[in-house]
């Protein structure tokens, strides 16, 4: 009978030892990878947020451009810190730049077109705006960045800076000045509803 009791005690100790080994494996292998994966998810979410904002602005410009006569559309975009959105009037592009902390690089592909690329430190991409030849894009008021800094807006030109403004009101206006058709894109740091 004593031999049977001793074996049960040994089985309990072996079970506790196996349980301890599982906890060590979880702590040393699974948990660190989980934190790394969580960081990647946060970074990709920020990239998605920038991509969505750029797409919203480009769609608003396209809709206003397609309308007949004067037109206006207002949208709200929400940005995480350090996301920057640019309006390139010469190339008719709405661009984004997002700092990243990733261990890998990848391309952003929509359909068959590569619209951006990411390395371990930064993601950059753009949305092309197709405008009729009679329309010109004006982005002179597309700036929500630190214009008081030297150089202004970190030397990156006029853009919306998510570290300064989390919410931006984008107004796209189609009007005719001096016989010239113009799409004006404005950015304001107002809050929704106010």
Protein backbone atom coordinates (compact mmCIF):
# COMPACT_ATOMS: atom_id res chain seq x y z
CA UNK A 1 0.00 0.00 0.00
CA UNK A 2 2.86 2.40 0.79
CA UNK A 3 4.34 1.83 -2.69
CA UNK A 4 1.04 2.88 -4.28
CA UNK A 5 0.89 6.12 -2.23
CA UNK A 6 4.50 6.95 -3.14
CA UNK A 7 3.72 6.51 -6.86
CA UNK A 8 0.77 8.91 -6.57
CA UNK A 9 3.04 11.48 -4.98
CA UNK A 10 5.60 11.00 -7.73
CA UNK A 11 2.86 11.41 -10.37
CA UNK A 12 1.75 14.67 -8.75
CA UNK A 13 5.31 15.98 -8.74
CA UNK A 14 5.75 14.98 -12.42
CA UNK A 15 2.48 16.70 -13.31
CA UNK A 16 3.57 19.89 -11.51
CA UNK A 17 6.93 19.72 -13.29
CA UNK A 18 5.21 19.42 -16.70
CA UNK A 19 2.90 22.30 -15.82
CA UNK A 20 5.91 24.42 -14.81
CA UNK A 21 7.64 23.59 -18.12
CA UNK A 22 4.51 24.67 -20.03
CA UNK A 23 4.43 27.98 -18.17
CA UNK A 24 8.10 28.57 -18.94
CA UNK A 25 7.50 27.80 -22.63
CA UNK A 26 4.54 30.19 -22.77
CA UNK A 27 6.51 32.91 -21.02
CA UNK A 28 9.67 32.59 -23.14
CA UNK A 29 8.27 31.72 -26.58
CA UNK A 30 4.61 32.64 -26.99
CA UNK A 31 4.27 35.82 -24.93
CA UNK A 32 7.15 37.80 -26.58
CA UNK A 33 5.84 36.89 -30.04
CA UNK A 34 2.37 37.96 -29.00
CA UNK A 35 3.68 41.43 -28.04
CA UNK A 36 5.50 41.70 -31.36
CA UNK A 37 2.33 40.71 -33.22
CA UNK A 38 0.30 43.22 -31.22
CA UNK A 39 2.74 46.01 -32.20
CA UNK A 40 2.44 44.99 -35.87
CA UNK A 41 -1.36 45.13 -35.65
CA UNK A 42 -1.20 48.66 -34.19
CA UNK A 43 1.18 49.80 -36.95
CA UNK A 44 -0.96 48.28 -39.71
CA UNK A 45 -4.06 49.92 -38.18
CA UNK A 46 -2.34 53.32 -38.40
CA UNK A 47 -1.44 52.58 -42.02
CA UNK A 48 -5.06 51.65 -42.76
CA UNK A 49 -6.26 54.85 -41.12
CA UNK A 50 -3.96 56.95 -43.33
CA UNK A 51 -4.97 55.01 -46.44
CA UNK A 52 -8.67 55.52 -45.63
CA UNK A 53 -8.20 59.28 -45.12
CA UNK A 54 -6.36 59.61 -48.43
CA UNK A 55 -9.06 57.60 -50.22
CA UNK A 56 -11.83 59.74 -48.68
CA UNK A 57 -10.15 62.97 -49.82
CA UNK A 58 -9.50 61.62 -53.33
CA UNK A 59 -13.11 60.41 -53.63
CA UNK A 60 -14.47 63.78 -52.49
CA UNK A 61 -12.31 65.56 -55.09
CA UNK A 62 -13.44 63.14 -57.82
CA UNK A 63 -17.12 63.55 -56.92
CA UNK A 64 -16.90 67.34 -56.91
CA UNK A 65 -14.99 67.30 -60.20
CA UNK A 66 -17.64 65.08 -61.81
CA UNK A 67 -20.50 67.40 -60.89
CA UNK A 68 -21.77 69.97 -63.34
CA UNK A 69 -21.43 73.57 -62.24
CA UNK A 70 -20.17 74.81 -58.87
CA UNK A 71 -20.12 72.18 -56.14
CA UNK A 72 -18.93 71.67 -52.56
CA UNK A 73 -18.34 68.64 -50.35
CA UNK A 74 -17.15 68.49 -46.73
CA UNK A 75 -15.68 65.39 -45.08
CA UNK A 76 -14.06 64.66 -41.72
CA UNK A 77 -10.90 62.64 -41.35
CA UNK A 78 -9.38 61.30 -38.14
CA UNK A 79 -5.64 60.74 -37.88
CA UNK A 80 -3.35 58.99 -35.44
CA UNK A 81 -0.15 60.72 -34.34
CA UNK A 82 2.66 61.20 -36.86
CA UNK A 83 0.49 60.42 -39.88
CA UNK A 84 1.05 63.02 -42.57
CA UNK A 85 -1.19 63.62 -45.58
CA UNK A 86 -0.05 65.70 -48.54
CA UNK A 87 -1.82 67.23 -51.55
CA UNK A 88 0.37 67.35 -54.67
CA UNK A 89 -1.43 69.69 -57.07
CA UNK A 90 1.16 69.32 -59.85
CA UNK A 91 0.81 65.53 -60.08
CA UNK A 92 -2.85 65.39 -58.90
CA UNK A 93 -2.00 63.07 -55.98
CA UNK A 94 -3.11 62.79 -52.37
CA UNK A 95 -0.17 61.18 -50.56
CA UNK A 96 0.43 59.76 -47.10
CA UNK A 97 3.48 59.12 -44.96
CA UNK A 98 3.32 56.95 -41.82
CA UNK A 99 6.35 56.22 -39.58
CA UNK A 100 6.54 52.48 -38.79
CA UNK A 101 8.34 50.12 -36.42
CA UNK A 102 8.19 46.81 -38.25
CA UNK A 103 10.58 43.92 -38.81
CA UNK A 104 9.57 43.48 -42.46
CA UNK A 105 8.85 45.43 -45.65
CA UNK A 106 5.90 45.12 -48.03
CA UNK A 107 4.09 46.82 -50.91
CA UNK A 108 0.56 48.21 -50.80
CA UNK A 109 -1.34 46.87 -53.79
CA UNK A 110 -4.87 47.74 -54.87
CA UNK A 111 -6.13 45.65 -57.76
CA UNK A 112 -3.11 45.38 -60.04
CA UNK A 113 -1.63 48.77 -59.13
CA UNK A 114 1.08 49.28 -56.51
CA UNK A 115 0.01 52.38 -54.60
CA UNK A 116 2.61 52.42 -51.86
CA UNK A 117 5.53 50.75 -50.18
CA UNK A 118 6.59 50.15 -46.60
CA UNK A 119 9.96 49.42 -45.11
CA UNK A 120 10.87 48.92 -41.46
CA UNK A 121 10.76 52.67 -40.74
CA UNK A 122 8.16 54.35 -42.98
CA UNK A 123 5.19 53.69 -45.26
CA UNK A 124 4.48 55.98 -48.17
CA UNK A 125 1.74 55.85 -50.74
CA UNK A 126 -0.55 57.91 -52.93
CA UNK A 127 -3.98 58.02 -54.49
CA UNK A 128 -4.15 59.45 -58.00
CA UNK A 129 -6.94 61.87 -58.80
CA UNK A 130 -8.17 61.80 -62.37
CA UNK A 131 -9.45 65.26 -63.27
CA UNK A 132 -10.84 66.55 -66.55
CA UNK A 133 -8.19 68.60 -68.37
CA UNK A 134 -10.17 71.83 -67.88
CA UNK A 135 -9.95 71.53 -64.07
CA UNK A 136 -6.95 72.51 -61.98
CA UNK A 137 -6.26 71.33 -58.44
CA UNK A 138 -5.43 73.98 -55.84
CA UNK A 139 -4.04 72.78 -52.50
CA UNK A 140 -2.80 76.13 -51.15
CA UNK A 141 -5.04 75.87 -48.04
CA UNK A 142 -4.29 72.19 -47.42
CA UNK A 143 -2.10 72.65 -44.36
CA UNK A 144 -2.53 71.66 -40.77
CA UNK A 145 1.08 71.47 -39.69
CA UNK A 146 3.49 73.52 -37.64
CA UNK A 147 3.95 76.58 -39.86
CA UNK A 148 5.78 78.41 -37.05
CA UNK A 149 8.64 75.89 -37.01
CA UNK A 150 11.85 76.50 -38.89
CA UNK A 151 11.65 75.05 -41.51
CA UNK A 152 7.85 75.21 -41.54
CA UNK A 153 6.01 71.89 -41.49
CA UNK A 154 9.31 70.02 -40.89
CA UNK A 155 10.49 71.05 -44.34
CA UNK A 156 7.99 68.65 -45.92
CA UNK A 157 5.74 71.30 -47.47
CA UNK A 158 2.10 71.91 -46.69
CA UNK A 159 0.36 68.88 -45.24
CA UNK A 160 -1.95 67.64 -42.49
CA UNK A 161 0.06 66.47 -39.48
CA UNK A 162 -1.69 63.93 -37.23
CA UNK A 163 0.56 64.72 -34.27
CA UNK A 164 -0.83 68.27 -34.20
CA UNK A 165 -4.42 67.73 -35.38
CA UNK A 166 -6.26 64.46 -34.74
CA UNK A 167 -9.39 65.61 -36.58
CA UNK A 168 -9.49 67.58 -39.79
CA UNK A 169 -12.34 69.04 -41.77
CA UNK A 170 -11.65 68.77 -45.49
CA UNK A 171 -13.68 70.99 -47.80
CA UNK A 172 -13.55 70.44 -51.55
CA UNK A 173 -15.00 73.26 -53.65
CA UNK A 174 -15.39 73.48 -57.40
CA UNK A 175 -15.70 77.03 -58.63
CA UNK A 176 -14.87 79.16 -61.62
CA UNK A 177 -12.52 82.12 -61.28
CA UNK A 178 -11.51 84.33 -64.20
CA UNK A 179 -12.82 81.75 -66.66
CA UNK A 180 -10.70 79.01 -65.03
CA UNK A 181 -12.27 75.92 -63.47
CA UNK A 182 -10.67 75.21 -60.10
CA UNK A 183 -10.92 72.48 -57.45
CA UNK A 184 -9.97 74.04 -54.10
CA UNK A 185 -9.02 71.62 -51.28
CA UNK A 186 -9.04 73.20 -47.80
CA UNK A 187 -8.14 71.67 -44.44
CA UNK A 188 -9.42 73.08 -41.13
CA UNK A 189 -8.74 71.95 -37.57
CA UNK A 190 -12.35 72.29 -36.45
CA UNK A 191 -14.13 69.64 -34.43
CA UNK A 192 -17.16 67.72 -35.72
CA UNK A 193 -20.45 69.39 -34.89
CA UNK A 194 -18.83 72.70 -34.06
